[in-house]
Amino acid sequence: MFITAENIRTGEVRTFLGKERILVPDSKHTEVTRSLFAHWETVEECLDLRKYSKFFYVSESEGKWQRGEEVLISTERPISDRPGSKSLSMDHVDSYRVLGIFLEKE
């Protein structure tokens, strides 16, 4: 499985392969705030991305990955950037708009 997505800031189109890790917005947190909740998933386990119009990508140097772990993404500062923190600043996160979800790469 793979996902084709567009970087919302740069317009660059990118393919994310099955083993890559992304942050998926949580649907269980619906209140309007200056931050949003997301959880880590691998692309191959994200067929439910059809429910969302976007997801987030964090380079491995910026984020520590654990499957299912909830992460708070803040659109404002200050935020804790301590190692081991379960929160990230939007400055460290790329937002992508889903263009297509494909079950098999040709």
N, C-alpha and C. Protein backbone atom coordinates (compact mmCIF):
# COMPACT_ATOMS: atom_id res chain seq x y z
N MET A 1 0.84 -1.18 0.00
CA MET A 1 0.00 0.00 0.00
C MET A 1 0.88 1.24 0.00
N PHE A 2 0.41 2.30 -0.66
CA PHE A 2 1.11 3.57 -0.61
C PHE A 2 0.12 4.72 -0.75
N ILE A 3 0.57 5.90 -0.33
CA ILE A 3 -0.27 7.10 -0.36
C ILE A 3 0.46 8.15 -1.20
N THR A 4 -0.28 8.81 -2.07
CA THR A 4 0.24 9.97 -2.78
C THR A 4 -0.37 11.19 -2.11
N ALA A 5 0.48 12.17 -1.76
CA ALA A 5 0.00 13.33 -1.02
C ALA A 5 0.77 14.58 -1.44
N GLU A 6 0.12 15.73 -1.23
CA GLU A 6 0.71 17.02 -1.57
C GLU A 6 1.06 17.77 -0.29
N ASN A 7 2.28 18.28 -0.22
CA ASN A 7 2.70 19.11 0.90
C ASN A 7 1.91 20.41 0.83
N ILE A 8 1.15 20.73 1.86
CA ILE A 8 0.27 21.89 1.84
C ILE A 8 1.05 23.19 1.73
N ARG A 9 2.22 23.26 2.32
CA ARG A 9 3.01 24.50 2.30
C ARG A 9 3.76 24.69 0.98
N THR A 10 4.39 23.62 0.45
CA THR A 10 5.26 23.75 -0.72
C THR A 10 4.60 23.33 -2.03
N GLY A 11 3.53 22.54 -1.96
CA GLY A 11 2.90 22.03 -3.17
C GLY A 11 3.57 20.80 -3.75
N GLU A 12 4.66 20.34 -3.13
CA GLU A 12 5.38 19.16 -3.60
C GLU A 12 4.52 17.92 -3.43
N VAL A 13 4.46 17.08 -4.47
CA VAL A 13 3.73 15.81 -4.40
C VAL A 13 4.72 14.72 -4.05
N ARG A 14 4.35 13.87 -3.11
CA ARG A 14 5.24 12.84 -2.61
C ARG A 14 4.48 11.53 -2.43
N THR A 15 5.19 10.42 -2.59
CA THR A 15 4.63 9.10 -2.34
C THR A 15 5.17 8.58 -1.01
N PHE A 16 4.26 8.13 -0.14
CA PHE A 16 4.62 7.54 1.15
C PHE A 16 4.38 6.04 1.04
N LEU A 17 5.42 5.25 1.27
CA LEU A 17 5.32 3.80 1.15
C LEU A 17 4.83 3.17 2.44
N GLY A 18 4.45 1.89 2.37
CA GLY A 18 3.79 1.18 3.46
C GLY A 18 4.43 1.23 4.82
N LYS A 19 5.77 1.18 4.91
CA LYS A 19 6.45 1.13 6.21
C LYS A 19 6.72 2.52 6.79
N GLU A 20 6.47 3.59 6.03
CA GLU A 20 6.73 4.93 6.55
C GLU A 20 5.74 5.27 7.65
N ARG A 21 6.19 6.09 8.60
CA ARG A 21 5.38 6.46 9.75
C ARG A 21 4.84 7.87 9.58
N ILE A 22 3.57 8.03 9.86
CA ILE A 22 2.92 9.34 9.75
C ILE A 22 2.07 9.58 11.00
N LEU A 23 1.70 10.83 11.21
CA LEU A 23 0.79 11.19 12.29
C LEU A 23 -0.59 11.40 11.69
N VAL A 24 -1.57 10.67 12.19
CA VAL A 24 -2.94 10.72 11.70
C VAL A 24 -3.78 11.50 12.72
N PRO A 25 -4.57 12.50 12.26
CA PRO A 25 -5.41 13.26 13.20
C PRO A 25 -6.38 12.34 13.94
N ASP A 26 -6.58 12.61 15.23
CA ASP A 26 -7.52 11.83 16.03
C ASP A 26 -8.93 12.37 15.85
N SER A 27 -9.85 11.48 15.57
CA SER A 27 -11.25 11.90 15.43
C SER A 27 -11.95 11.97 16.78
N LYS A 28 -11.35 11.37 17.83
CA LYS A 28 -12.01 11.36 19.14
C LYS A 28 -11.92 12.70 19.86
N HIS A 29 -10.98 13.57 19.43
CA HIS A 29 -10.86 14.91 20.01
C HIS A 29 -11.46 15.90 19.03
N THR A 30 -12.69 16.33 19.29
CA THR A 30 -13.39 17.18 18.34
C THR A 30 -13.49 18.64 18.77
N GLU A 31 -13.07 18.95 19.99
CA GLU A 31 -13.18 20.33 20.45
C GLU A 31 -12.21 21.23 19.68
N VAL A 32 -12.60 22.48 19.48
CA VAL A 32 -11.77 23.44 18.76
C VAL A 32 -10.75 24.04 19.74
N THR A 33 -9.46 23.86 19.44
CA THR A 33 -8.39 24.38 20.28
C THR A 33 -7.27 24.90 19.38
N ARG A 34 -6.22 25.41 20.02
CA ARG A 34 -5.07 25.89 19.26
C ARG A 34 -4.04 24.79 19.06
N SER A 35 -4.45 23.58 19.28
CA SER A 35 -3.60 22.43 19.05
C SER A 35 -4.49 21.28 18.63
N LEU A 36 -3.88 20.22 18.11
CA LEU A 36 -4.69 19.08 17.73
C LEU A 36 -3.99 17.80 18.13
N PHE A 37 -4.79 16.78 18.35
CA PHE A 37 -4.28 15.47 18.74
C PHE A 37 -4.13 14.60 17.51
N ALA A 38 -3.06 13.81 17.49
CA ALA A 38 -2.81 12.87 16.41
C ALA A 38 -2.16 11.63 17.01
N HIS A 39 -2.11 10.56 16.23
CA HIS A 39 -1.43 9.35 16.70
C HIS A 39 -0.60 8.78 15.55
N TRP A 40 0.47 8.07 15.93
CA TRP A 40 1.39 7.49 14.96
C TRP A 40 0.79 6.23 14.33
N GLU A 41 0.98 6.09 13.04
CA GLU A 41 0.62 4.87 12.32
C GLU A 41 1.61 4.67 11.18
N THR A 42 1.72 3.44 10.70
CA THR A 42 2.45 3.22 9.46
C THR A 42 1.44 3.36 8.32
N VAL A 43 1.93 3.73 7.15
CA VAL A 43 1.06 3.95 6.00
C VAL A 43 0.22 2.71 5.71
N GLU A 44 0.81 1.53 5.79
CA GLU A 44 0.08 0.30 5.45
C GLU A 44 -1.09 0.02 6.39
N GLU A 45 -1.14 0.67 7.53
CA GLU A 45 -2.25 0.46 8.47
C GLU A 45 -3.23 1.63 8.46
N CYS A 46 -3.20 2.43 7.40
CA CYS A 46 -4.00 3.65 7.37
C CYS A 46 -5.07 3.66 6.30
N LEU A 47 -5.72 2.56 6.06
CA LEU A 47 -6.83 2.57 5.10
C LEU A 47 -7.91 3.54 5.54
N ASP A 48 -8.00 3.80 6.84
CA ASP A 48 -9.01 4.73 7.34
C ASP A 48 -8.66 6.19 7.05
N LEU A 49 -7.52 6.44 6.37
CA LEU A 49 -7.20 7.82 5.97
C LEU A 49 -8.26 8.39 5.04
N ARG A 50 -9.08 7.52 4.47
CA ARG A 50 -10.17 8.00 3.61
C ARG A 50 -11.07 8.96 4.38
N LYS A 51 -11.10 8.83 5.70
CA LYS A 51 -11.93 9.71 6.54
C LYS A 51 -11.33 11.10 6.66
N TYR A 52 -10.05 11.24 6.37
CA TYR A 52 -9.35 12.49 6.60
C TYR A 52 -8.93 13.11 5.28
N SER A 53 -8.78 14.42 5.27
CA SER A 53 -8.27 15.08 4.08
C SER A 53 -6.77 15.33 4.18
N LYS A 54 -6.20 15.23 5.41
CA LYS A 54 -4.77 15.46 5.54
C LYS A 54 -4.18 14.62 6.66
N PHE A 55 -2.84 14.54 6.64
CA PHE A 55 -2.09 13.87 7.70
C PHE A 55 -0.79 14.64 7.87
N PHE A 56 0.04 14.20 8.81
CA PHE A 56 1.26 14.92 9.14
C PHE A 56 2.47 14.00 9.06
N TYR A 57 3.60 14.57 8.67
CA TYR A 57 4.84 13.82 8.57
C TYR A 57 5.90 14.52 9.42
N VAL A 58 6.63 13.75 10.19
CA VAL A 58 7.68 14.27 11.06
C VAL A 58 8.95 13.50 10.75
N SER A 59 10.04 14.20 10.49
CA SER A 59 11.29 13.50 10.22
C SER A 59 11.69 12.72 11.47
N GLU A 60 12.42 11.64 11.27
CA GLU A 60 12.80 10.80 12.42
C GLU A 60 13.67 11.55 13.41
N SER A 61 14.37 12.58 12.96
CA SER A 61 15.20 13.34 13.89
C SER A 61 14.35 14.23 14.80
N GLU A 62 13.12 14.54 14.38
CA GLU A 62 12.24 15.41 15.16
C GLU A 62 11.30 14.65 16.09
N GLY A 63 10.87 13.46 15.70
CA GLY A 63 9.86 12.78 16.50
C GLY A 63 10.21 11.34 16.81
N LYS A 64 9.87 10.91 18.00
CA LYS A 64 10.08 9.53 18.43
C LYS A 64 8.80 8.77 18.17
N TRP A 65 8.88 7.66 17.48
CA TRP A 65 7.69 6.94 17.05
C TRP A 65 7.37 5.76 17.96
N GLN A 66 6.10 5.65 18.34
CA GLN A 66 5.57 4.46 18.99
C GLN A 66 4.17 4.27 18.45
N ARG A 67 3.87 3.08 17.98
CA ARG A 67 2.58 2.84 17.35
C ARG A 67 1.44 3.19 18.30
N GLY A 68 0.50 3.98 17.79
CA GLY A 68 -0.69 4.32 18.54
C GLY A 68 -0.52 5.42 19.57
N GLU A 69 0.72 5.80 19.87
CA GLU A 69 0.94 6.83 20.90
C GLU A 69 0.33 8.16 20.46
N GLU A 70 -0.38 8.79 21.38
CA GLU A 70 -1.02 10.07 21.09
C GLU A 70 0.00 11.21 21.19
N VAL A 71 -0.08 12.15 20.25
CA VAL A 71 0.82 13.29 20.21
C VAL A 71 -0.02 14.55 20.08
N LEU A 72 0.35 15.58 20.82
CA LEU A 72 -0.32 16.88 20.73
C LEU A 72 0.51 17.77 19.81
N ILE A 73 -0.10 18.26 18.73
CA ILE A 73 0.58 19.16 17.80
C ILE A 73 0.06 20.57 18.08
N SER A 74 0.97 21.45 18.50
CA SER A 74 0.59 22.80 18.88
C SER A 74 0.84 23.78 17.74
N THR A 75 -0.13 24.66 17.49
CA THR A 75 0.04 25.69 16.47
C THR A 75 0.64 26.96 17.06
N GLU A 76 0.82 26.98 18.36
CA GLU A 76 1.38 28.15 19.05
C GLU A 76 2.58 27.75 19.87
N ARG A 77 3.39 28.72 20.22
CA ARG A 77 4.47 28.53 21.18
C ARG A 77 4.03 29.17 22.48
N PRO A 78 4.54 28.88 23.64
CA PRO A 78 5.59 27.90 23.88
C PRO A 78 5.03 26.49 23.96
N ILE A 79 5.87 25.55 23.63
CA ILE A 79 5.55 24.13 23.75
C ILE A 79 6.81 23.42 24.22
N SER A 80 6.65 22.35 24.91
CA SER A 80 7.80 21.62 25.42
C SER A 80 8.48 20.89 24.27
N ASP A 81 9.75 21.16 24.02
CA ASP A 81 10.54 20.46 23.01
C ASP A 81 11.54 19.51 23.67
N ARG A 82 11.27 19.15 24.92
CA ARG A 82 12.16 18.25 25.64
C ARG A 82 12.17 16.87 24.99
N PRO A 83 13.31 16.18 25.02
CA PRO A 83 13.35 14.80 24.55
C PRO A 83 12.35 13.95 25.33
N GLY A 84 11.63 13.10 24.64
CA GLY A 84 10.64 12.25 25.30
C GLY A 84 9.28 12.89 25.43
N SER A 85 9.17 14.15 25.05
CA SER A 85 7.89 14.85 25.14
C SER A 85 6.92 14.29 24.11
N LYS A 86 5.65 14.24 24.45
CA LYS A 86 4.63 13.75 23.53
C LYS A 86 3.91 14.91 22.87
N SER A 87 4.60 16.03 22.72
CA SER A 87 4.02 17.17 22.02
C SER A 87 5.05 17.71 21.04
N LEU A 88 4.56 18.24 19.93
CA LEU A 88 5.41 18.79 18.88
C LEU A 88 4.88 20.15 18.48
N SER A 89 5.78 21.02 18.08
CA SER A 89 5.38 22.30 17.52
C SER A 89 5.08 22.11 16.04
N MET A 90 4.12 22.85 15.51
CA MET A 90 3.79 22.77 14.09
C MET A 90 5.01 23.11 13.23
N ASP A 91 5.99 23.83 13.80
CA ASP A 91 7.23 24.15 13.08
C ASP A 91 7.99 22.90 12.67
N HIS A 92 7.81 21.80 13.41
CA HIS A 92 8.55 20.56 13.16
C HIS A 92 7.75 19.54 12.37
N VAL A 93 6.58 19.95 11.88
CA VAL A 93 5.66 19.01 11.24
C VAL A 93 5.30 19.51 9.85
N ASP A 94 5.33 18.61 8.86
CA ASP A 94 4.85 18.94 7.52
C ASP A 94 3.44 18.40 7.37
N SER A 95 2.53 19.23 6.85
CA SER A 95 1.15 18.82 6.63
C SER A 95 0.98 18.39 5.17
N TYR A 96 0.30 17.27 4.97
CA TYR A 96 0.06 16.75 3.63
C TYR A 96 -1.43 16.55 3.39
N ARG A 97 -1.85 16.87 2.17
CA ARG A 97 -3.22 16.63 1.72
C ARG A 97 -3.21 15.31 0.94
N VAL A 98 -4.09 14.41 1.30
CA VAL A 98 -4.16 13.10 0.65
C VAL A 98 -4.71 13.26 -0.76
N LEU A 99 -3.96 12.76 -1.75
CA LEU A 99 -4.42 12.77 -3.14
C LEU A 99 -4.95 11.41 -3.54
N GLY A 100 -4.35 10.34 -3.00
CA GLY A 100 -4.81 9.00 -3.34
C GLY A 100 -4.22 7.96 -2.42
N ILE A 101 -4.98 6.89 -2.19
CA ILE A 101 -4.54 5.75 -1.40
C ILE A 101 -4.58 4.54 -2.32
N PHE A 102 -3.46 3.85 -2.46
CA PHE A 102 -3.35 2.75 -3.41
C PHE A 102 -2.92 1.49 -2.67
N LEU A 103 -3.55 0.38 -3.02
CA LEU A 103 -3.26 -0.87 -2.32
C LEU A 103 -1.98 -1.53 -2.78
N GLU A 104 -1.54 -1.26 -3.99
CA GLU A 104 -0.38 -1.95 -4.51
C GLU A 104 0.36 -1.05 -5.48
N LYS A 105 1.68 -0.97 -5.36
CA LYS A 105 2.48 -0.15 -6.27
C LYS A 105 2.80 -0.96 -7.51
N GLU A 106 2.58 -0.35 -8.68
CA GLU A 106 2.83 -1.05 -9.96
C GLU A 106 4.29 -1.03 -10.32
